[in-house]
C-alpha atoms as a PDB file:
ATOM      1  CA  MET A   1      -9.729  51.572 -23.043  1.00  0.00           C
ATOM      2  CA  LYS A   2     -10.972  55.000 -20.955  1.00  0.00           C
ATOM      3  CA  LEU A   3     -13.777  53.297 -20.016  1.00  0.00           C
ATOM      4  CA  GLN A   4     -11.667  50.176 -18.700  1.00  0.00           C
ATOM      5  CA  LEU A   5      -8.984  52.977 -17.313  1.00  0.00           C
ATOM      6  CA  ARG A   6     -11.885  55.020 -15.633  1.00  0.00           C
ATOM      7  CA  ALA A   7     -12.618  53.233 -12.172  1.00  0.00           C
ATOM      8  CA  PRO A   8      -8.711  52.230 -11.424  1.00  0.00           C
ATOM      9  CA  VAL A   9      -8.218  55.691 -11.885  1.00  0.00           C
ATOM     10  CA  ALA A  10     -10.816  57.140  -9.765  1.00  0.00           C
ATOM     11  CA  GLU A  11      -9.839  54.804  -7.195  1.00  0.00           C
ATOM     12  CA  PHE A  12      -6.260  55.555  -7.172  1.00  0.00           C
ATOM     13  CA  PHE A  13      -6.956  59.547  -6.702  1.00  0.00           C
ATOM     14  CA  GLY A  14      -9.808  58.718  -4.120  1.00  0.00           C
ATOM     15  CA  THR A  15      -7.673  56.550  -2.167  1.00  0.00           C
ATOM     16  CA  PHE A  16      -4.882  58.664  -2.334  1.00  0.00           C
ATOM     17  CA  GLY A  17      -7.208  62.064  -1.053  1.00  0.00           C
ATOM     18  CA  LEU A  18      -8.202  59.646   1.573  1.00  0.00           C
ATOM     19  CA  VAL A  19      -4.957  58.682   3.075  1.00  0.00           C
ATOM     20  CA  LEU A  20      -3.752  61.984   2.570  1.00  0.00           C
ATOM     21  CA  SER A  21      -6.335  63.585   4.609  1.00  0.00           C
ATOM     22  CA  ALA A  22      -6.154  60.487   7.178  1.00  0.00           C
ATOM     23  CA  SER A  23      -2.592  60.504   7.865  1.00  0.00           C
ATOM     24  CA  SER A  24      -2.547  64.054   7.881  1.00  0.00           C
ATOM     25  CA  ALA A  25      -3.962  63.830  11.249  1.00  0.00           C
ATOM     26  CA  GLY A  26      -1.949  61.673  12.705  1.00  0.00           C
ATOM     27  CA  THR A  27       0.899  63.551  11.522  1.00  0.00           C
ATOM     28  CA  LEU A  28       0.450  66.696  12.289  1.00  0.00           C
ATOM     29  CA  ALA A  29      -0.683  65.164  16.106  1.00  0.00           C
ATOM     30  CA  SER A  30       2.932  63.905  16.393  1.00  0.00           C
ATOM     31  CA  LEU A  31       4.262  67.083  15.772  1.00  0.00           C
ATOM     32  CA  GLY A  32       2.411  68.632  18.589  1.00  0.00           C
ATOM     33  CA  GLU A  33      -0.856  69.689  17.082  1.00  0.00           C
ATOM     34  CA  PRO A  34      -3.946  69.732  19.257  1.00  0.00           C
ATOM     35  CA  ILE A  35      -5.784  66.737  17.394  1.00  0.00           C
ATOM     36  CA  GLY A  36      -8.112  64.842  19.346  1.00  0.00           C
ATOM     37  CA  PRO A  37     -10.295  62.105  18.708  1.00  0.00           C
ATOM     38  CA  LEU A  38     -13.099  64.057  17.120  1.00  0.00           C
ATOM     39  CA  LEU A  39     -10.589  65.968  14.865  1.00  0.00           C
ATOM     40  CA  ASP A  40      -9.076  62.892  13.922  1.00  0.00           C
ATOM     41  CA  GLY A  41     -12.097  61.257  12.513  1.00  0.00           C
ATOM     42  CA  LEU A  42     -13.003  64.013  10.748  1.00  0.00           C
ATOM     43  CA  PHE A  43      -9.874  64.498   9.025  1.00  0.00           C
ATOM     44  CA  SER A  44     -11.152  60.731   7.934  1.00  0.00           C
ATOM     45  CA  GLY A  45     -14.882  61.314   7.574  1.00  0.00           C
ATOM     46  CA  ILE A  46     -14.703  64.422   5.528  1.00  0.00           C
ATOM     47  CA  ALA A  47     -12.181  63.342   2.828  1.00  0.00           C
ATOM     48  CA  VAL A  48     -14.201  59.680   2.821  1.00  0.00           C
ATOM     49  CA  ILE A  49     -17.681  62.676   2.145  1.00  0.00           C
ATOM     50  CA  ALA A  50     -15.422  64.357  -0.914  1.00  0.00           C
ATOM     51  CA  MET A  51     -13.893  61.514  -2.548  1.00  0.00           C
ATOM     52  CA  ILE A  52     -17.126  59.690  -2.918  1.00  0.00           C
ATOM     53  CA  LEU A  53     -18.530  62.731  -4.607  1.00  0.00           C
ATOM     54  CA  ILE A  54     -16.060  63.339  -6.880  1.00  0.00           C
ATOM     55  CA  PHE A  55     -15.507  59.850  -7.925  1.00  0.00           C
ATOM     56  CA  GLY A  56     -18.869  57.720  -7.083  1.00  0.00           C
ATOM     57  CA  LYS A  57     -19.711  57.978 -10.516  1.00  0.00           C
ATOM     58  CA  ALA A  58     -16.559  56.672 -11.528  1.00  0.00           C
ATOM     59  CA  SER A  59     -16.058  53.587  -9.788  1.00  0.00           C
ATOM     60  CA  GLY A  60     -18.470  53.465  -6.741  1.00  0.00           C
ATOM     61  CA  ALA A  61     -15.442  55.157  -4.766  1.00  0.00           C
ATOM     62  CA  HIS A  62     -14.750  52.405  -2.557  1.00  0.00           C
ATOM     63  CA  ILE A  63     -11.092  53.593  -1.856  1.00  0.00           C
ATOM     64  CA  ASN A  64     -10.580  50.593   0.283  1.00  0.00           C
ATOM     65  CA  PRO A  65      -9.718  47.280  -0.750  1.00  0.00           C
ATOM     66  CA  ALA A  66     -11.559  45.625   2.316  1.00  0.00           C
ATOM     67  CA  VAL A  67     -15.008  47.430   0.547  1.00  0.00           C
ATOM     68  CA  SER A  68     -13.698  46.501  -3.099  1.00  0.00           C
ATOM     69  CA  VAL A  69     -13.167  42.396  -1.167  1.00  0.00           C
ATOM     70  CA  ALA A  70     -16.326  42.944   0.128  1.00  0.00           C
ATOM     71  CA  MET A  71     -18.519  44.110  -3.353  1.00  0.00           C
ATOM     72  CA  VAL A  72     -17.483  41.356  -5.028  1.00  0.00           C
ATOM     73  CA  ARG A  73     -18.481  39.228  -2.441  1.00  0.00           C
ATOM     74  CA  ALA A  74     -21.916  40.904  -2.995  1.00  0.00           C
ATOM     75  CA  GLY A  75     -22.003  40.699  -6.561  1.00  0.00           C
ATOM     76  CA  LYS A  76     -21.799  44.371  -6.988  1.00  0.00           C
ATOM     77  CA  LEU A  77     -18.347  44.118  -8.771  1.00  0.00           C
ATOM     78  CA  LYS A  78     -16.829  41.941 -10.976  1.00  0.00           C
ATOM     79  CA  LYS A  79     -14.335  39.551  -9.719  1.00  0.00           C
ATOM     80  CA  GLU A  80     -12.016  40.814 -12.483  1.00  0.00           C
ATOM     81  CA  GLN A  81     -12.399  44.344 -11.872  1.00  0.00           C
ATOM     82  CA  LEU A  82     -10.985  43.839  -8.447  1.00  0.00           C
ATOM     83  CA  PRO A  83      -7.023  43.626  -9.054  1.00  0.00           C
ATOM     84  CA  GLY A  84      -7.235  46.699 -10.556  1.00  0.00           C
ATOM     85  CA  TYR A  85      -9.059  48.808  -8.021  1.00  0.00           C
ATOM     86  CA  LEU A  86      -7.022  47.060  -5.247  1.00  0.00           C
ATOM     87  CA  LEU A  87      -3.951  48.024  -7.387  1.00  0.00           C
ATOM     88  CA  ALA A  88      -5.187  51.312  -7.771  1.00  0.00           C
ATOM     89  CA  GLN A  89      -5.937  51.797  -3.946  1.00  0.00           C
ATOM     90  CA  PHE A  90      -2.449  50.320  -3.111  1.00  0.00           C
ATOM     91  CA  SER A  91      -0.534  52.767  -4.940  1.00  0.00           C
ATOM     92  CA  GLY A  92      -2.452  55.972  -4.432  1.00  0.00           C
ATOM     93  CA  ALA A  93      -2.407  54.968  -0.596  1.00  0.00           C
ATOM     94  CA  ILE A  94       1.878  54.687  -0.845  1.00  0.00           C
ATOM     95  CA  LEU A  95       1.977  58.025  -3.234  1.00  0.00           C
ATOM     96  CA  ALA A  96      -0.052  59.786  -0.372  1.00  0.00           C
ATOM     97  CA  SER A  97       2.250  58.500   2.042  1.00  0.00           C
ATOM     98  CA  VAL A  98       5.003  59.912   0.003  1.00  0.00           C
ATOM     99  CA  VAL A  99       3.761  63.077  -0.169  1.00  0.00           C
ATOM    100  CA  ILE A 100       3.412  63.574   3.319  1.00  0.00           C
ATOM    101  CA  ARG A 101       6.240  62.376   4.510  1.00  0.00           C
ATOM    102  CA  ASN A 102       8.004  65.151   2.355  1.00  0.00           C
ATOM    103  CA  LEU A 103       6.069  67.972   3.416  1.00  0.00           C
ATOM    104  CA  PHE A 104       6.485  67.226   7.064  1.00  0.00           C
ATOM    105  CA  PRO A 105      10.367  65.455   7.089  1.00  0.00           C
ATOM    106  CA  ASP A 106      10.714  66.264  10.625  1.00  0.00           C
ATOM    107  CA  ALA A 107       7.539  64.348  11.600  1.00  0.00           C
ATOM    108  CA  PRO A 108       7.756  61.392  14.243  1.00  0.00           C
ATOM    109  CA  SER A 109       4.957  59.579  12.566  1.00  0.00           C
ATOM    110  CA  ILE A 110       3.270  60.182   9.142  1.00  0.00           C
ATOM    111  CA  GLY A 111       0.098  58.529  10.563  1.00  0.00           C
ATOM    112  CA  MET A 112       0.151  55.284  11.048  1.00  0.00           C
ATOM    113  CA  ASN A 113      -2.019  52.881  12.081  1.00  0.00           C
ATOM    114  CA  LEU A 114      -0.873  50.864  15.347  1.00  0.00           C
ATOM    115  CA  PRO A 115      -2.598  49.192  18.121  1.00  0.00           C
ATOM    116  CA  GLY A 116      -3.817  50.989  20.431  1.00  0.00           C
ATOM    117  CA  SER A 117      -4.929  50.223  24.178  1.00  0.00           C
ATOM    118  CA  LEU A 118      -6.844  46.842  23.072  1.00  0.00           C
ATOM    119  CA  GLY A 119      -3.113  44.839  22.278  1.00  0.00           C
ATOM    120  CA  THR A 120      -2.813  42.973  19.078  1.00  0.00           C
ATOM    121  CA  PHE A 121      -5.513  40.384  18.657  1.00  0.00           C
ATOM    122  CA  GLY A 122      -8.188  42.799  20.564  1.00  0.00           C
ATOM    123  CA  SER A 123      -6.920  45.422  17.593  1.00  0.00           C
ATOM    124  CA  MET A 124      -7.622  42.599  15.218  1.00  0.00           C
ATOM    125  CA  TRP A 125     -10.987  41.870  16.596  1.00  0.00           C
ATOM    126  CA  LEU A 126     -12.202  45.388  16.930  1.00  0.00           C
ATOM    127  CA  GLU A 127     -10.807  46.648  13.260  1.00  0.00           C
ATOM    128  CA  GLY A 128     -13.021  43.482  12.038  1.00  0.00           C
ATOM    129  CA  LEU A 129     -16.459  44.380  14.066  1.00  0.00           C
ATOM    130  CA  LEU A 130     -15.429  48.104  12.649  1.00  0.00           C
ATOM    131  CA  THR A 131     -15.532  47.081   9.378  1.00  0.00           C
ATOM    132  CA  THR A 132     -18.555  45.203   9.122  1.00  0.00           C
ATOM    133  CA  ILE A 133     -20.382  48.185  10.839  1.00  0.00           C
ATOM    134  CA  LEU A 134     -18.962  50.491   7.981  1.00  0.00           C
ATOM    135  CA  VAL A 135     -19.230  48.068   5.220  1.00  0.00           C
ATOM    136  CA  GLY A 136     -23.244  47.251   6.602  1.00  0.00           C
ATOM    137  CA  VAL A 137     -23.702  50.548   6.178  1.00  0.00           C
ATOM    138  CA  ILE A 138     -22.575  50.888   2.683  1.00  0.00           C
ATOM    139  CA  LEU A 139     -24.427  48.149   1.534  1.00  0.00           C
ATOM    140  CA  TRP A 140     -27.810  49.470   3.199  1.00  0.00           C
ATOM    141  CA  ILE A 141     -27.569  52.813   2.188  1.00  0.00           C
ATOM    142  CA  ILE A 142     -26.561  52.133  -1.427  1.00  0.00           C
ATOM    143  CA  ASP A 143     -29.977  49.848  -1.903  1.00  0.00           C
ATOM    144  CA  GLN A 144     -32.001  52.883  -0.607  1.00  0.00           C
ATOM    145  CA  LYS A 145     -34.342  54.339  -3.018  1.00  0.00           C
ATOM    146  CA  TRP A 146     -34.293  57.803  -0.971  1.00  0.00           C
ATOM    147  CA  ALA A 147     -30.743  58.101  -0.811  1.00  0.00           C
ATOM    148  CA  VAL A 148     -30.075  60.175  -3.523  1.00  0.00           C
ATOM    149  CA  GLY A 149     -27.652  63.067  -4.341  1.00  0.00           C
ATOM    150  CA  PRO A 150     -24.940  63.450  -1.624  1.00  0.00           C
ATOM    151  CA  VAL A 151     -26.816  61.536   1.141  1.00  0.00           C
ATOM    152  CA  PRO A 152     -25.122  58.239   1.112  1.00  0.00           C
ATOM    153  CA  ALA A 153     -21.746  59.820   0.978  1.00  0.00           C
ATOM    154  CA  ILE A 154     -22.555  61.781   4.073  1.00  0.00           C
ATOM    155  CA  VAL A 155     -24.040  58.364   6.092  1.00  0.00           C
ATOM    156  CA  ILE A 156     -20.728  56.452   5.109  1.00  0.00           C
ATOM    157  CA  GLY A 157     -18.553  59.484   5.698  1.00  0.00           C
ATOM    158  CA  LEU A 158     -19.931  60.294   9.046  1.00  0.00           C
ATOM    159  CA  THR A 159     -19.642  56.492  10.085  1.00  0.00           C
ATOM    160  CA  VAL A 160     -16.241  56.586   9.114  1.00  0.00           C
ATOM    161  CA  THR A 161     -16.102  59.821  11.703  1.00  0.00           C
ATOM    162  CA  ALA A 162     -17.602  58.132  14.638  1.00  0.00           C
ATOM    163  CA  GLU A 163     -15.211  54.961  14.104  1.00  0.00           C
ATOM    164  CA  VAL A 164     -12.305  56.630  14.266  1.00  0.00           C
ATOM    165  CA  ALA A 165     -13.139  58.845  16.611  1.00  0.00           C
ATOM    166  CA  LEU A 166     -14.602  56.555  19.337  1.00  0.00           C
ATOM    167  CA  ALA A 167     -12.456  53.617  18.393  1.00  0.00           C
ATOM    168  CA  GLY A 168      -8.702  55.248  16.892  1.00  0.00           C
ATOM    169  CA  SER A 169      -7.192  55.019  20.132  1.00  0.00           C
ATOM    170  CA  TRP A 170      -8.210  51.545  20.731  1.00  0.00           C
ATOM    171  CA  SER A 171      -7.339  49.228  17.351  1.00  0.00           C
ATOM    172  CA  GLY A 172      -6.045  52.806  15.025  1.00  0.00           C
ATOM    173  CA  ALA A 173      -9.835  52.446  13.539  1.00  0.00           C
ATOM    174  CA  SER A 174      -8.203  51.959  10.213  1.00  0.00           C
ATOM    175  CA  MET A 175     -10.852  49.779   8.541  1.00  0.00           C
ATOM    176  CA  ASN A 176      -8.749  49.884   5.410  1.00  0.00           C
ATOM    177  CA  PRO A 177      -5.358  47.868   4.731  1.00  0.00           C
ATOM    178  CA  ALA A 178      -4.435  50.323   1.945  1.00  0.00           C
ATOM    179  CA  ARG A 179      -4.626  53.527   4.151  1.00  0.00           C
ATOM    180  CA  SER A 180      -2.195  51.530   6.933  1.00  0.00           C
ATOM    181  CA  PHE A 181       0.058  50.114   4.324  1.00  0.00           C
ATOM    182  CA  GLY A 182       1.082  53.097   2.449  1.00  0.00           C
ATOM    183  CA  PRO A 183       2.057  54.828   6.053  1.00  0.00           C
ATOM    184  CA  ALA A 184       3.845  52.070   7.158  1.00  0.00           C
ATOM    185  CA  LEU A 185       5.883  50.916   3.623  1.00  0.00           C
ATOM    186  CA  VAL A 186       6.921  54.535   3.666  1.00  0.00           C
ATOM    187  CA  SER A 187       8.408  54.755   7.228  1.00  0.00           C
ATOM    188  CA  THR A 188       9.883  51.866   6.871  1.00  0.00           C
ATOM    189  CA  LEU A 189      11.555  52.628   3.408  1.00  0.00           C
ATOM    190  CA  ALA A 190      12.531  56.263   4.911  1.00  0.00           C
ATOM    191  CA  SER A 191      13.787  54.719   8.317  1.00  0.00           C
ATOM    192  CA  GLY A 192      15.004  51.183   7.207  1.00  0.00           C
ATOM    193  CA  ASP A 193      12.701  49.866  10.533  1.00  0.00           C
ATOM    194  CA  LEU A 194      11.177  46.838   9.615  1.00  0.00           C
ATOM    195  CA  GLN A 195       9.017  47.000  12.701  1.00  0.00           C
ATOM    196  CA  ASN A 196       6.986  49.981  11.164  1.00  0.00           C
ATOM    197  CA  LEU A 197       5.532  46.945   8.815  1.00  0.00           C
ATOM    198  CA  GLN A 198       5.226  43.963  11.861  1.00  0.00           C
ATOM    199  CA  MET A 199       1.629  45.129  12.736  1.00  0.00           C
ATOM    200  CA  VAL A 200       0.062  46.010   9.021  1.00  0.00           C
ATOM    201  CA  TRP A 201      -1.209  41.934   9.017  1.00  0.00           C
ATOM    202  CA  ILE A 202      -4.151  43.381  11.690  1.00  0.00           C
ATOM    203  CA  TYR A 203      -5.014  46.182   9.136  1.00  0.00           C
ATOM    204  CA  PHE A 204      -5.281  43.483   6.352  1.00  0.00           C
ATOM    205  CA  VAL A 205      -7.218  40.548   8.453  1.00  0.00           C
ATOM    206  CA  GLY A 206      -9.639  42.428  10.309  1.00  0.00           C
ATOM    207  CA  PRO A 207     -11.207  44.450   7.890  1.00  0.00           C
ATOM    208  CA  VAL A 208     -10.793  42.019   4.887  1.00  0.00           C
ATOM    209  CA  ALA A 209     -12.817  39.145   7.156  1.00  0.00           C
ATOM    210  CA  GLY A 210     -14.853  42.166   8.538  1.00  0.00           C
ATOM    211  CA  GLY A 211     -15.951  43.262   5.026  1.00  0.00           C
ATOM    212  CA  LEU A 212     -17.368  39.912   4.553  1.00  0.00           C
ATOM    213  CA  LEU A 213     -18.884  38.996   7.554  1.00  0.00           C
ATOM    214  CA  ALA A 214     -20.878  42.069   6.537  1.00  0.00           C
ATOM    215  CA  VAL A 215     -21.894  41.118   3.411  1.00  0.00           C
ATOM    216  CA  THR A 216     -23.330  37.729   4.523  1.00  0.00           C
ATOM    217  CA  VAL A 217     -25.133  39.489   7.437  1.00  0.00           C
ATOM    218  CA  CYS A 218     -26.726  41.584   5.271  1.00  0.00           C
ATOM    219  CA  ARG A 219     -27.887  38.757   2.858  1.00  0.00           C
ATOM    220  CA  ILE A 220     -29.349  36.897   5.994  1.00  0.00           C
ATOM    221  CA  CYS A 221     -31.157  39.991   7.297  1.00  0.00           C
ATOM    222  CA  LYS A 222     -32.851  40.477   3.291  1.00  0.00           C
ATOM    223  CA  ASP A 223     -33.582  36.214   3.535  1.00  0.00           C
END
């Protein structure tokens, strides 16, 4: 029983930590703090590094539903484990958003991802591309014999940092359905404004499709 719960618990706390840090950047920016693109990326990237180092052995530290779905497709996660992973990830993201909302009750935003200069469908396609790159990097680095110790965590974390820093203003650079859903849901419950949830579908469709595409591309390249 303990072994069965180990991975979901790790995913819950890992996603909680990621969303708490990542959404803090947007929250502080909405309060007028000077959070530039690079610092925004570091809020997410450093959190990813930390969560992988802490929870990687317990669950693989996917901390992202799009990654978990891709790992099932790649044969690196059992299908029957996926529901537990997803439930844990979304629950962790929601709890992190509740914490942020209560820590910063006057903040105009708690770090919601919104389409940027590319618009709705442009942002969806970019989210797909960014996630393809991210999942491709993950699949590549975890198969490298020389990538031991903190190396995979650092490589993946720096990838997230670069993508958020470069593309945050274009699409939100979420690459993670849970990271987008948590702040959107809590903002909707707090304000009663359903518009907060209207754009969340972008951050489901784009990242999940991008993750699956990465698996296909990696298989073709290996063959």
